Amino acid sequence: MATSSSGSPNDGRGTADRIAGRQREHMMATAADMLEKSPATREPLERFHSDSSFEARRGVQSPDTDQLLLRNKSAVATPREISFGSFRLLPAQLLLLQGDRPVPLGSRALEILIVLLERPSELVSKQELMARVWPNTFVEPENVKAHISALRRALRDGRDGNRFIINISGRGYCFVAPVSRSRS
């Protein structure tokens, strides 16, 4: 019976396992080398910042822009109150009021509203909304559409001369009503 250098029986599997392990290591090194050298792989990744201090729970970078999609609310100065039309949003309390009455609105629709109000009159892509409202979660673009619809219903968008959110087909959404912010 054959024995290995350590004196234990060797039925040939140890050698086969070592060879298979070396082949796997070689294939992984070759694949990593190919990915590193390939312009098709390297160019899309170059759009992302390689800041080693960046933490995943602080934010996500949009693949469409060089801008971080911050999730940590302390990283962005949050106004105490945002007013538009007959509505007031209190972001810290996650509360939308019409006059002095709370407006029933789901948390995801409310988070979408907060993201849109951070950049009024600017296009916010569906990808950014998904990354901000559903971080680290795969969701279909239809989820954004459903929550935008609920948000429009709650705001009575399109009725009585109210116009708050517009859709730029295939690109995203834009909050178009005049907005005032107060920090006091």
Foldseek 3Di string as FASTA:
>chain_A
DDADPVGHDDPPVVVVVVVVVVVVVVVVVVVVVCLVPDCVNVVLVVLEDPDPVDDLQQFDADSVHSDTLGQPPVVDDDFCWKDFDQWIAGVVVLFIDRPNHTQDADSLLSQLVVVQVVPAPDFDFLVSSCCRSPNPDDDDSVVVVVSPVRNCVSVVDPPPPHHAKDADPPGGIHGHTDMDTHRD
